[in-house]
Amino acid sequence: MRRAALVLGACVVMMGLVVMIAGPLRAATPEPSVLVPGDPRSDGEGPGLVGSPIAVALGVVLLGVVSAGATLLVLRLTREE
């Protein structure tokens, strides 16, 4: 039980550090922007795919594996014997 409290405390401290390191976010100016004709993502082509869909799919799978591992770790640390 004490071990789980230490793990939870460490996670809270790490999340606090992440929030402090991120710093303040800047918003856009309130002035209207000039519209650019056409699609800004490509040179006169249609919308198409933006980014890398394979990398996104791998990222989603990696996120699932990490969250499953974290769940198993918490269950193992908090089990009653």
N, C-alpha and C. Protein backbone atom coordinates (compact mmCIF):
# COMPACT_ATOMS: atom_id res chain seq x y z
N MET A 1 0.83 -1.19 0.00
CA MET A 1 0.00 0.00 0.00
C MET A 1 0.88 1.26 0.00
N ARG A 2 1.92 1.22 0.78
CA ARG A 2 2.82 2.37 0.85
C ARG A 2 3.54 2.57 -0.49
N ARG A 3 3.87 1.45 -1.12
CA ARG A 3 4.55 1.50 -2.41
C ARG A 3 3.66 2.16 -3.47
N ALA A 4 2.37 1.81 -3.45
CA ALA A 4 1.43 2.40 -4.40
C ALA A 4 1.30 3.90 -4.17
N ALA A 5 1.32 4.31 -2.90
CA ALA A 5 1.23 5.74 -2.60
C ALA A 5 2.47 6.47 -3.11
N LEU A 6 3.63 5.83 -3.01
CA LEU A 6 4.86 6.45 -3.52
C LEU A 6 4.82 6.58 -5.05
N VAL A 7 4.32 5.53 -5.71
CA VAL A 7 4.21 5.57 -7.17
C VAL A 7 3.23 6.67 -7.59
N LEU A 8 2.10 6.75 -6.90
CA LEU A 8 1.11 7.78 -7.22
C LEU A 8 1.69 9.17 -6.98
N GLY A 9 2.41 9.34 -5.88
CA GLY A 9 3.03 10.64 -5.60
C GLY A 9 4.05 11.02 -6.65
N ALA A 10 4.85 10.04 -7.10
CA ALA A 10 5.84 10.31 -8.14
C ALA A 10 5.15 10.72 -9.45
N CYS A 11 4.04 10.07 -9.77
CA CYS A 11 3.31 10.42 -10.99
C CYS A 11 2.74 11.84 -10.91
N VAL A 12 2.22 12.20 -9.74
CA VAL A 12 1.68 13.55 -9.57
C VAL A 12 2.78 14.59 -9.71
N VAL A 13 3.94 14.32 -9.12
CA VAL A 13 5.06 15.26 -9.22
C VAL A 13 5.52 15.38 -10.68
N MET A 14 5.60 14.27 -11.39
CA MET A 14 6.03 14.31 -12.79
C MET A 14 5.03 15.09 -13.65
N MET A 15 3.73 14.91 -13.41
CA MET A 15 2.74 15.65 -14.18
C MET A 15 2.83 17.15 -13.87
N GLY A 16 3.10 17.49 -12.62
CA GLY A 16 3.28 18.90 -12.27
C GLY A 16 4.48 19.50 -12.97
N LEU A 17 5.57 18.74 -13.06
CA LEU A 17 6.75 19.23 -13.76
C LEU A 17 6.47 19.43 -15.24
N VAL A 18 5.72 18.53 -15.84
CA VAL A 18 5.39 18.66 -17.26
C VAL A 18 4.58 19.93 -17.49
N VAL A 19 3.62 20.19 -16.61
CA VAL A 19 2.79 21.39 -16.76
C VAL A 19 3.64 22.65 -16.58
N MET A 20 4.56 22.65 -15.62
CA MET A 20 5.39 23.83 -15.40
C MET A 20 6.38 24.05 -16.54
N ILE A 21 6.91 22.97 -17.11
CA ILE A 21 7.88 23.09 -18.19
C ILE A 21 7.20 23.60 -19.46
N ALA A 22 5.94 23.21 -19.67
CA ALA A 22 5.23 23.61 -20.89
C ALA A 22 5.12 25.13 -20.99
N GLY A 23 4.97 25.80 -19.87
CA GLY A 23 4.91 27.26 -19.88
C GLY A 23 3.60 27.78 -20.43
N PRO A 24 3.48 29.08 -20.45
CA PRO A 24 2.23 29.67 -20.95
C PRO A 24 2.11 29.51 -22.47
N LEU A 25 0.90 29.33 -22.91
CA LEU A 25 0.65 29.20 -24.34
C LEU A 25 0.24 30.55 -24.90
N ARG A 26 0.63 30.81 -26.12
CA ARG A 26 0.29 32.08 -26.75
C ARG A 26 -0.87 31.86 -27.72
N ALA A 27 -1.82 32.75 -27.65
CA ALA A 27 -2.97 32.68 -28.55
C ALA A 27 -2.70 33.54 -29.78
N ALA A 28 -3.53 33.38 -30.78
CA ALA A 28 -3.40 34.19 -31.99
C ALA A 28 -3.85 35.61 -31.70
N THR A 29 -3.44 36.52 -32.56
CA THR A 29 -3.85 37.91 -32.38
C THR A 29 -5.34 38.04 -32.71
N PRO A 30 -6.02 39.03 -32.14
CA PRO A 30 -7.45 39.19 -32.42
C PRO A 30 -7.75 39.79 -33.79
N GLU A 31 -6.72 40.19 -34.51
CA GLU A 31 -6.92 40.77 -35.84
C GLU A 31 -7.26 39.68 -36.85
N PRO A 32 -8.13 39.99 -37.82
CA PRO A 32 -8.47 38.98 -38.82
C PRO A 32 -7.27 38.70 -39.73
N SER A 33 -7.14 37.47 -40.15
CA SER A 33 -6.03 37.11 -41.03
C SER A 33 -6.48 37.17 -42.49
N VAL A 34 -5.52 37.31 -43.38
CA VAL A 34 -5.81 37.38 -44.81
C VAL A 34 -6.01 35.96 -45.32
N LEU A 35 -7.08 35.76 -46.08
CA LEU A 35 -7.35 34.43 -46.63
C LEU A 35 -6.44 34.16 -47.82
N VAL A 36 -5.85 32.97 -47.82
CA VAL A 36 -5.01 32.55 -48.93
C VAL A 36 -5.89 31.73 -49.87
N PRO A 37 -5.92 32.06 -51.16
CA PRO A 37 -6.77 31.29 -52.07
C PRO A 37 -6.22 29.88 -52.27
N GLY A 38 -7.12 28.92 -52.37
CA GLY A 38 -6.71 27.54 -52.61
C GLY A 38 -6.44 26.78 -51.33
N ASP A 39 -5.87 25.60 -51.50
CA ASP A 39 -5.57 24.72 -50.38
C ASP A 39 -4.15 24.98 -49.90
N PRO A 40 -3.94 25.44 -48.67
CA PRO A 40 -2.59 25.75 -48.21
C PRO A 40 -1.74 24.51 -47.94
N ARG A 41 -2.35 23.32 -47.96
CA ARG A 41 -1.59 22.10 -47.65
C ARG A 41 -0.83 21.54 -48.83
N SER A 42 -1.20 21.92 -50.03
CA SER A 42 -0.53 21.36 -51.20
C SER A 42 -0.45 22.42 -52.30
N ASP A 43 0.30 22.14 -53.34
CA ASP A 43 0.51 23.09 -54.45
C ASP A 43 -0.61 22.96 -55.48
N GLY A 44 -1.76 23.53 -55.18
CA GLY A 44 -2.85 23.55 -56.15
C GLY A 44 -3.58 22.23 -56.31
N GLU A 45 -3.29 21.24 -55.50
CA GLU A 45 -3.96 19.94 -55.61
C GLU A 45 -5.14 19.90 -54.65
N GLY A 46 -5.83 18.78 -54.66
CA GLY A 46 -6.95 18.58 -53.73
C GLY A 46 -6.45 18.38 -52.31
N PRO A 47 -7.38 18.16 -51.39
CA PRO A 47 -7.00 18.03 -49.98
C PRO A 47 -5.98 16.91 -49.73
N GLY A 48 -6.25 15.70 -50.22
CA GLY A 48 -5.29 14.60 -50.03
C GLY A 48 -5.02 14.28 -48.58
N LEU A 49 -4.01 13.49 -48.35
CA LEU A 49 -3.61 13.12 -47.00
C LEU A 49 -2.56 14.09 -46.48
N VAL A 50 -2.73 14.51 -45.26
CA VAL A 50 -1.77 15.41 -44.63
C VAL A 50 -1.06 14.61 -43.55
N GLY A 51 0.25 14.64 -43.53
CA GLY A 51 1.00 13.91 -42.52
C GLY A 51 1.31 12.50 -42.97
N SER A 52 1.54 11.64 -42.01
CA SER A 52 1.91 10.26 -42.29
C SER A 52 0.95 9.32 -41.56
N PRO A 53 -0.02 8.74 -42.28
CA PRO A 53 -1.00 7.89 -41.61
C PRO A 53 -0.40 6.63 -40.98
N ILE A 54 0.67 6.11 -41.55
CA ILE A 54 1.30 4.91 -40.98
C ILE A 54 1.94 5.25 -39.64
N ALA A 55 2.61 6.39 -39.56
CA ALA A 55 3.21 6.81 -38.29
C ALA A 55 2.14 7.05 -37.23
N VAL A 56 1.01 7.60 -37.64
CA VAL A 56 -0.09 7.82 -36.69
C VAL A 56 -0.62 6.49 -36.19
N ALA A 57 -0.80 5.52 -37.07
CA ALA A 57 -1.29 4.21 -36.66
C ALA A 57 -0.32 3.54 -35.70
N LEU A 58 0.97 3.63 -35.98
CA LEU A 58 1.97 3.06 -35.07
C LEU A 58 1.96 3.78 -33.73
N GLY A 59 1.75 5.08 -33.74
CA GLY A 59 1.66 5.83 -32.49
C GLY A 59 0.47 5.40 -31.65
N VAL A 60 -0.66 5.13 -32.30
CA VAL A 60 -1.85 4.68 -31.57
C VAL A 60 -1.60 3.31 -30.95
N VAL A 61 -0.98 2.42 -31.71
CA VAL A 61 -0.66 1.09 -31.17
C VAL A 61 0.31 1.21 -30.00
N LEU A 62 1.33 2.05 -30.14
CA LEU A 62 2.30 2.25 -29.06
C LEU A 62 1.62 2.82 -27.82
N LEU A 63 0.72 3.76 -28.01
CA LEU A 63 -0.02 4.33 -26.88
C LEU A 63 -0.84 3.26 -26.17
N GLY A 64 -1.47 2.37 -26.93
CA GLY A 64 -2.23 1.28 -26.33
C GLY A 64 -1.36 0.33 -25.53
N VAL A 65 -0.18 0.00 -26.06
CA VAL A 65 0.74 -0.89 -25.35
C VAL A 65 1.24 -0.23 -24.07
N VAL A 66 1.58 1.05 -24.13
CA VAL A 66 2.05 1.76 -22.94
C VAL A 66 0.96 1.84 -21.88
N SER A 67 -0.28 2.14 -22.30
CA SER A 67 -1.35 2.24 -21.31
C SER A 67 -1.67 0.88 -20.71
N ALA A 68 -1.61 -0.19 -21.50
CA ALA A 68 -1.83 -1.53 -20.96
C ALA A 68 -0.71 -1.90 -19.98
N GLY A 69 0.52 -1.56 -20.31
CA GLY A 69 1.64 -1.83 -19.40
C GLY A 69 1.51 -1.05 -18.11
N ALA A 70 1.10 0.21 -18.19
CA ALA A 70 0.91 1.02 -16.98
C ALA A 70 -0.20 0.44 -16.12
N THR A 71 -1.27 -0.03 -16.75
CA THR A 71 -2.37 -0.64 -16.00
C THR A 71 -1.90 -1.89 -15.28
N LEU A 72 -1.15 -2.74 -15.96
CA LEU A 72 -0.63 -3.95 -15.32
C LEU A 72 0.31 -3.61 -14.18
N LEU A 73 1.13 -2.59 -14.35
CA LEU A 73 2.05 -2.17 -13.29
C LEU A 73 1.28 -1.70 -12.05
N VAL A 74 0.25 -0.90 -12.26
CA VAL A 74 -0.54 -0.42 -11.12
C VAL A 74 -1.24 -1.58 -10.44
N LEU A 75 -1.80 -2.50 -11.21
CA LEU A 75 -2.46 -3.66 -10.61
C LEU A 75 -1.48 -4.51 -9.82
N ARG A 76 -0.29 -4.68 -10.34
CA ARG A 76 0.71 -5.49 -9.64
C ARG A 76 1.18 -4.81 -8.35
N LEU A 77 1.34 -3.49 -8.39
CA LEU A 77 1.81 -2.77 -7.21
C LEU A 77 0.74 -2.63 -6.13
N THR A 78 -0.53 -2.67 -6.52
CA THR A 78 -1.59 -2.45 -5.54
C THR A 78 -2.32 -3.72 -5.14
N ARG A 79 -1.87 -4.87 -5.56
CA ARG A 79 -2.58 -6.11 -5.20
C ARG A 79 -2.39 -6.42 -3.72
N GLU A 80 -3.40 -7.05 -3.16
CA GLU A 80 -3.34 -7.43 -1.76
C GLU A 80 -2.88 -8.88 -1.67
N GLU A 81 -1.99 -9.12 -0.76
CA GLU A 81 -1.45 -10.48 -0.62
C GLU A 81 -2.07 -11.19 0.55
